[in-house]
Amino acid sequence: MTVPETSHLANKAASLEMRQRHWDKIKAALSVLKLATGEQIAAEAKMDYHAVMRRIGEMERNEMVYKPGTKIPTS
């Protein structure tokens, strides 16, 4: 599957500083929540859900966070 060019442009536009700010907010939220869904992290970090999920994917790839494999109900 190929990624649309607009996604590539959006990714380039997301500066490392912005990503670092998002990572810090997510880590702070997880320090409070411990185990949480993307919705819960977004609410605690006061971030957009989709932005959280993009950053979580990056954080997983960089071994900053991990998914423990347990399921938590969402709304």
N, C-alpha and C. Protein backbone atom coordinates (compact mmCIF):
# COMPACT_ATOMS: atom_id res chain seq x y z
N MET A 1 0.83 -1.17 0.00
CA MET A 1 0.00 0.00 0.00
C MET A 1 0.88 1.24 0.00
N THR A 2 0.60 2.18 -0.86
CA THR A 2 1.37 3.41 -0.90
C THR A 2 0.67 4.48 -0.09
N VAL A 3 1.47 5.38 0.44
CA VAL A 3 0.94 6.48 1.24
C VAL A 3 0.72 7.67 0.31
N PRO A 4 -0.43 8.33 0.40
CA PRO A 4 -0.68 9.48 -0.46
C PRO A 4 0.37 10.57 -0.25
N GLU A 5 0.68 11.28 -1.30
CA GLU A 5 1.69 12.34 -1.22
C GLU A 5 1.35 13.36 -0.14
N THR A 6 0.08 13.64 0.05
CA THR A 6 -0.30 14.63 1.08
C THR A 6 0.13 14.17 2.46
N SER A 7 0.12 12.88 2.72
CA SER A 7 0.57 12.37 4.01
C SER A 7 2.07 12.59 4.18
N HIS A 8 2.81 12.41 3.09
CA HIS A 8 4.25 12.65 3.15
C HIS A 8 4.53 14.12 3.45
N LEU A 9 3.80 15.01 2.82
CA LEU A 9 3.99 16.43 3.06
C LEU A 9 3.62 16.80 4.48
N ALA A 10 2.55 16.24 4.99
CA ALA A 10 2.13 16.52 6.36
C ALA A 10 3.18 16.01 7.34
N ASN A 11 3.74 14.86 7.06
CA ASN A 11 4.77 14.30 7.93
C ASN A 11 6.00 15.19 7.96
N LYS A 12 6.41 15.70 6.82
CA LYS A 12 7.57 16.59 6.76
C LYS A 12 7.31 17.88 7.51
N ALA A 13 6.06 18.33 7.48
CA ALA A 13 5.70 19.58 8.15
C ALA A 13 5.73 19.45 9.67
N ALA A 14 5.58 18.25 10.16
CA ALA A 14 5.60 18.02 11.61
C ALA A 14 7.05 18.08 12.08
N SER A 15 7.43 19.21 12.61
CA SER A 15 8.81 19.41 13.02
C SER A 15 9.18 18.51 14.19
N LEU A 16 10.46 18.29 14.34
CA LEU A 16 10.94 17.49 15.46
C LEU A 16 10.58 18.15 16.78
N GLU A 17 10.62 19.49 16.83
CA GLU A 17 10.24 20.19 18.06
C GLU A 17 8.79 19.91 18.44
N MET A 18 7.90 19.96 17.44
CA MET A 18 6.50 19.69 17.71
C MET A 18 6.32 18.25 18.17
N ARG A 19 7.00 17.32 17.50
CA ARG A 19 6.90 15.92 17.89
C ARG A 19 7.39 15.73 19.32
N GLN A 20 8.49 16.39 19.66
CA GLN A 20 9.03 16.27 21.01
C GLN A 20 8.04 16.81 22.04
N ARG A 21 7.38 17.93 21.74
CA ARG A 21 6.37 18.47 22.65
C ARG A 21 5.23 17.48 22.83
N HIS A 22 4.80 16.88 21.71
CA HIS A 22 3.72 15.88 21.78
C HIS A 22 4.17 14.66 22.58
N TRP A 23 5.38 14.17 22.32
CA TRP A 23 5.90 13.02 23.06
C TRP A 23 5.93 13.32 24.56
N ASP A 24 6.37 14.53 24.91
CA ASP A 24 6.44 14.90 26.32
C ASP A 24 5.04 14.93 26.96
N LYS A 25 4.06 15.47 26.24
CA LYS A 25 2.69 15.51 26.75
C LYS A 25 2.15 14.08 26.94
N ILE A 26 2.42 13.22 25.97
CA ILE A 26 1.94 11.83 26.04
C ILE A 26 2.61 11.10 27.21
N LYS A 27 3.92 11.29 27.37
CA LYS A 27 4.62 10.64 28.48
C LYS A 27 4.09 11.14 29.83
N ALA A 28 3.81 12.44 29.92
CA ALA A 28 3.25 13.00 31.15
C ALA A 28 1.87 12.39 31.43
N ALA A 29 1.05 12.27 30.39
CA ALA A 29 -0.28 11.67 30.56
C ALA A 29 -0.16 10.22 31.00
N LEU A 30 0.76 9.48 30.40
CA LEU A 30 0.93 8.07 30.78
C LEU A 30 1.50 7.92 32.18
N SER A 31 2.27 8.89 32.64
CA SER A 31 2.79 8.80 34.01
C SER A 31 1.65 8.91 35.02
N VAL A 32 0.58 9.60 34.64
CA VAL A 32 -0.60 9.71 35.50
C VAL A 32 -1.51 8.49 35.31
N LEU A 33 -1.76 8.14 34.04
CA LEU A 33 -2.74 7.09 33.72
C LEU A 33 -2.19 5.67 33.83
N LYS A 34 -0.91 5.51 33.61
CA LYS A 34 -0.22 4.21 33.57
C LYS A 34 -0.62 3.41 32.33
N LEU A 35 -1.78 2.81 32.32
CA LEU A 35 -2.26 2.01 31.20
C LEU A 35 -3.51 2.70 30.67
N ALA A 36 -3.53 3.05 29.38
CA ALA A 36 -4.63 3.87 28.88
C ALA A 36 -4.86 3.66 27.39
N THR A 37 -6.06 4.02 26.96
CA THR A 37 -6.39 4.01 25.54
C THR A 37 -5.94 5.33 24.92
N GLY A 38 -5.95 5.38 23.60
CA GLY A 38 -5.64 6.62 22.91
C GLY A 38 -6.59 7.74 23.30
N GLU A 39 -7.86 7.40 23.48
CA GLU A 39 -8.85 8.40 23.90
C GLU A 39 -8.50 8.97 25.26
N GLN A 40 -8.13 8.11 26.19
CA GLN A 40 -7.80 8.55 27.54
C GLN A 40 -6.53 9.41 27.55
N ILE A 41 -5.55 8.99 26.76
CA ILE A 41 -4.30 9.76 26.66
C ILE A 41 -4.59 11.13 26.08
N ALA A 42 -5.38 11.19 25.01
CA ALA A 42 -5.72 12.46 24.37
C ALA A 42 -6.42 13.39 25.35
N ALA A 43 -7.35 12.86 26.13
CA ALA A 43 -8.08 13.68 27.10
C ALA A 43 -7.13 14.20 28.18
N GLU A 44 -6.29 13.34 28.72
CA GLU A 44 -5.37 13.73 29.79
C GLU A 44 -4.32 14.73 29.27
N ALA A 45 -3.83 14.51 28.05
CA ALA A 45 -2.80 15.38 27.48
C ALA A 45 -3.38 16.63 26.82
N LYS A 46 -4.72 16.67 26.74
CA LYS A 46 -5.42 17.78 26.06
C LYS A 46 -4.91 17.94 24.63
N MET A 47 -4.92 16.80 23.92
CA MET A 47 -4.46 16.75 22.54
C MET A 47 -5.54 16.12 21.68
N ASP A 48 -5.44 16.33 20.38
CA ASP A 48 -6.33 15.69 19.42
C ASP A 48 -6.03 14.19 19.41
N TYR A 49 -7.08 13.38 19.39
CA TYR A 49 -6.94 11.92 19.39
C TYR A 49 -6.05 11.43 18.24
N HIS A 50 -6.28 11.95 17.05
CA HIS A 50 -5.52 11.49 15.88
C HIS A 50 -4.04 11.85 16.00
N ALA A 51 -3.75 13.03 16.56
CA ALA A 51 -2.35 13.41 16.78
C ALA A 51 -1.70 12.47 17.78
N VAL A 52 -2.44 12.12 18.83
CA VAL A 52 -1.91 11.19 19.84
C VAL A 52 -1.59 9.85 19.18
N MET A 53 -2.50 9.34 18.38
CA MET A 53 -2.29 8.02 17.77
C MET A 53 -1.10 8.04 16.80
N ARG A 54 -0.90 9.14 16.08
CA ARG A 54 0.28 9.25 15.20
C ARG A 54 1.55 9.23 16.03
N ARG A 55 1.57 10.00 17.11
CA ARG A 55 2.77 10.06 17.96
C ARG A 55 3.00 8.74 18.68
N ILE A 56 1.93 8.06 19.11
CA ILE A 56 2.08 6.76 19.78
C ILE A 56 2.76 5.78 18.83
N GLY A 57 2.35 5.80 17.56
CA GLY A 57 3.00 4.92 16.57
C GLY A 57 4.48 5.21 16.46
N GLU A 58 4.84 6.48 16.42
CA GLU A 58 6.26 6.86 16.37
C GLU A 58 6.98 6.41 17.64
N MET A 59 6.32 6.63 18.76
CA MET A 59 6.94 6.27 20.04
C MET A 59 7.15 4.77 20.16
N GLU A 60 6.21 3.99 19.64
CA GLU A 60 6.38 2.53 19.63
C GLU A 60 7.58 2.13 18.79
N ARG A 61 7.67 2.71 17.59
CA ARG A 61 8.79 2.38 16.70
C ARG A 61 10.13 2.77 17.31
N ASN A 62 10.15 3.83 18.10
CA ASN A 62 11.38 4.29 18.76
C ASN A 62 11.56 3.69 20.15
N GLU A 63 10.71 2.72 20.49
CA GLU A 63 10.77 2.01 21.77
C GLU A 63 10.68 2.94 22.97
N MET A 64 9.86 3.99 22.84
CA MET A 64 9.62 4.92 23.93
C MET A 64 8.43 4.46 24.77
N VAL A 65 7.50 3.75 24.14
CA VAL A 65 6.33 3.16 24.79
C VAL A 65 6.09 1.80 24.17
N TYR A 66 5.23 1.00 24.79
CA TYR A 66 4.86 -0.27 24.20
C TYR A 66 3.41 -0.57 24.52
N LYS A 67 2.82 -1.38 23.66
CA LYS A 67 1.46 -1.84 23.90
C LYS A 67 1.55 -3.17 24.64
N PRO A 68 0.98 -3.25 25.85
CA PRO A 68 1.14 -4.46 26.64
C PRO A 68 0.31 -5.64 26.15
N GLY A 69 -0.63 -5.41 25.23
CA GLY A 69 -1.42 -6.51 24.70
C GLY A 69 -2.75 -6.70 25.41
N THR A 70 -3.00 -5.95 26.46
CA THR A 70 -4.28 -6.03 27.15
C THR A 70 -5.27 -5.08 26.47
N LYS A 71 -6.53 -5.43 26.51
CA LYS A 71 -7.57 -4.61 25.89
C LYS A 71 -8.30 -3.81 26.97
N ILE A 72 -8.51 -2.53 26.68
CA ILE A 72 -9.26 -1.65 27.57
C ILE A 72 -10.45 -1.15 26.77
N PRO A 73 -11.65 -1.20 27.31
CA PRO A 73 -12.82 -0.72 26.56
C PRO A 73 -12.71 0.77 26.23
N THR A 74 -13.21 1.13 25.05
CA THR A 74 -13.24 2.53 24.65
C THR A 74 -14.70 2.98 24.58
N SER A 75 -14.87 4.28 24.34
CA SER A 75 -16.25 4.82 24.32
C SER A 75 -17.05 4.34 23.13
